Amino acid sequence: MKDMPGTVVLFDGVCNVCDGAVQFIIKHDPKGLFSFAPLQSDTGRKLLEQHGLSAVHFDSMILIKNGRVYAKSTAVLHVAKSLSGLWRAAAVFLVIPKPLRDAIYDLLAKNRYKWFGKKESCMIPGPDIKKRFLE
């Protein structure tokens, strides 16, 4: 998997919360630091495999940044740290113990389809942001 961008967000492509998060990141990432791949895509599965992660029953946002892998709340907070505006202040929550942060993340992840719904298929990005989505 050569020529991969340095910073990739892997997300559940059929999850409404995840889709909203990707749209939010795009809106607050004017430098275009982040690229994206749904966990359900070939690229998403290959990246998971390349980093020793299972693609089966995966319910976490994954951030791959310069070869390091971040999951769950740590991924979210590292993404926020790189966004424009006050969002980078969310990085202060990294001082909260990971098990506590991830417990809250897991509660949302477990109920995301029930609370926020699910799409039938992954989103199709518009031409203005298509280059940021890996195939």
Protein backbone atom coordinates (compact mmCIF):
# COMPACT_ATOMS: atom_id res chain seq x y z
CA MET A 1 0.00 0.00 0.00
CA LYS A 2 2.46 2.55 -1.24
CA ASP A 3 1.62 6.21 -1.75
CA MET A 4 -0.75 6.29 1.23
CA PRO A 5 -1.28 9.70 2.78
CA GLY A 6 0.36 10.28 6.17
CA THR A 7 -2.94 10.76 8.00
CA VAL A 8 -5.94 8.50 7.33
CA VAL A 9 -9.24 8.23 9.19
CA LEU A 10 -10.97 4.84 8.93
CA PHE A 11 -14.68 4.99 9.71
CA ASP A 12 -17.86 2.93 9.58
CA GLY A 13 -19.24 3.92 6.19
CA VAL A 14 -22.86 3.03 6.99
CA CYS A 15 -23.00 4.74 10.40
CA ASN A 16 -24.78 8.10 10.50
CA VAL A 17 -22.65 9.28 13.44
CA CYS A 18 -19.45 8.35 11.61
CA ASP A 19 -20.64 10.04 8.41
CA GLY A 20 -21.40 13.17 10.44
CA ALA A 21 -17.95 13.00 12.03
CA VAL A 22 -16.27 12.75 8.61
CA GLN A 23 -18.29 15.74 7.35
CA PHE A 24 -17.32 17.65 10.50
CA ILE A 25 -13.63 16.84 10.03
CA ILE A 26 -13.72 17.95 6.39
CA LYS A 27 -15.38 21.24 7.35
CA HIS A 28 -12.80 21.98 10.07
CA ASP A 29 -9.73 20.74 8.17
CA PRO A 30 -9.05 23.57 5.72
CA LYS A 31 -5.50 22.33 5.04
CA GLY A 32 -6.81 18.92 3.94
CA LEU A 33 -4.60 17.02 6.39
CA PHE A 34 -6.96 14.04 6.63
CA SER A 35 -7.80 11.39 4.06
CA PHE A 36 -10.63 8.92 4.62
CA ALA A 37 -11.54 5.30 3.95
CA PRO A 38 -14.60 3.37 5.08
CA LEU A 39 -13.82 0.29 7.15
CA GLN A 40 -15.96 -1.65 4.67
CA SER A 41 -13.79 -0.71 1.68
CA ASP A 42 -10.91 -2.77 0.31
CA THR A 43 -8.52 0.02 1.28
CA GLY A 44 -9.95 0.17 4.80
CA ARG A 45 -9.62 -3.58 5.28
CA LYS A 46 -6.08 -3.59 3.87
CA LEU A 47 -5.01 -0.77 6.18
CA LEU A 48 -6.48 -2.59 9.18
CA GLU A 49 -4.69 -5.77 8.19
CA GLN A 50 -1.43 -3.92 7.55
CA HIS A 51 -1.56 -2.60 11.12
CA GLY A 52 -2.52 -5.94 12.69
CA LEU A 53 -6.18 -5.08 13.31
CA SER A 54 -9.17 -7.29 12.58
CA ALA A 55 -11.81 -6.03 10.16
CA VAL A 56 -14.45 -8.28 11.74
CA HIS A 57 -16.99 -6.52 13.99
CA PHE A 58 -15.04 -3.29 14.13
CA ASP A 59 -16.87 -0.46 15.84
CA SER A 60 -14.20 2.19 16.25
CA MET A 61 -12.91 5.18 14.40
CA ILE A 62 -9.26 4.54 13.57
CA LEU A 63 -6.67 7.21 12.95
CA ILE A 64 -3.46 6.22 11.22
CA LYS A 65 -1.00 9.08 11.49
CA ASN A 66 2.60 8.75 10.35
CA GLY A 67 2.49 4.97 10.88
CA ARG A 68 0.96 5.12 14.38
CA VAL A 69 -2.52 3.76 15.01
CA TYR A 70 -5.02 5.41 17.34
CA ALA A 71 -8.45 3.97 18.11
CA LYS A 72 -11.66 4.99 19.84
CA SER A 73 -11.50 8.12 22.02
CA THR A 74 -7.78 8.55 21.43
CA ALA A 75 -8.37 8.69 17.67
CA VAL A 76 -11.16 11.25 18.09
CA LEU A 77 -9.06 13.47 20.35
CA HIS A 78 -5.99 13.30 18.09
CA VAL A 79 -8.19 14.27 15.14
CA ALA A 80 -9.65 17.19 17.13
CA LYS A 81 -6.13 18.29 18.07
CA SER A 82 -5.37 18.77 14.35
CA LEU A 83 -8.52 20.69 13.42
CA SER A 84 -8.88 24.43 13.05
CA GLY A 85 -10.31 26.69 15.71
CA LEU A 86 -11.16 25.80 19.29
CA TRP A 87 -11.59 22.11 18.48
CA ARG A 88 -7.91 21.53 19.13
CA ALA A 89 -8.58 22.36 22.79
CA ALA A 90 -10.37 18.99 23.06
CA ALA A 91 -6.91 17.43 23.28
CA VAL A 92 -6.97 18.38 26.98
CA PHE A 93 -9.24 15.33 27.46
CA LEU A 94 -6.27 13.09 26.63
CA VAL A 95 -5.30 13.49 30.32
CA ILE A 96 -8.44 11.55 31.31
CA PRO A 97 -7.53 7.87 31.71
CA LYS A 98 -8.07 5.95 28.49
CA PRO A 99 -10.32 3.28 30.07
CA LEU A 100 -12.76 5.97 31.23
CA ARG A 101 -12.70 7.79 27.87
CA ASP A 102 -13.14 4.53 25.98
CA ALA A 103 -16.03 3.43 28.22
CA ILE A 104 -17.97 6.50 27.08
CA TYR A 105 -16.88 5.93 23.48
CA ASP A 106 -17.95 2.26 23.68
CA LEU A 107 -21.41 3.22 24.98
CA LEU A 108 -21.94 5.47 21.98
CA ALA A 109 -20.45 2.91 19.55
CA LYS A 110 -22.64 0.11 20.90
CA ASN A 111 -25.82 2.15 20.47
CA ARG A 112 -24.97 4.25 17.42
CA TYR A 113 -27.28 2.47 14.99
CA LYS A 114 -30.17 2.38 17.47
CA TRP A 115 -29.84 6.03 18.44
CA PHE A 116 -28.76 7.62 15.14
CA GLY A 117 -29.65 5.13 12.42
CA LYS A 118 -27.73 3.38 9.70
CA LYS A 119 -27.29 3.93 5.97
CA GLU A 120 -27.81 1.26 3.35
CA SER A 121 -24.44 2.03 1.76
CA CYS A 122 -21.34 4.16 2.22
CA MET A 123 -21.52 7.82 1.28
CA ILE A 124 -20.41 8.92 -2.15
CA PRO A 125 -18.24 12.02 -1.78
CA GLY A 126 -18.82 15.03 -4.00
CA PRO A 127 -16.22 16.02 -6.59
CA ASP A 128 -14.76 18.74 -4.34
CA ILE A 129 -13.68 16.24 -1.64
CA LYS A 130 -13.46 12.98 -3.61
CA LYS A 131 -9.65 13.17 -3.79
CA ARG A 132 -9.52 12.87 0.03
CA PHE A 133 -11.28 9.48 -0.03
CA LEU A 134 -9.05 6.49 -0.67
CA GLU A 135 -10.21 3.80 -3.02
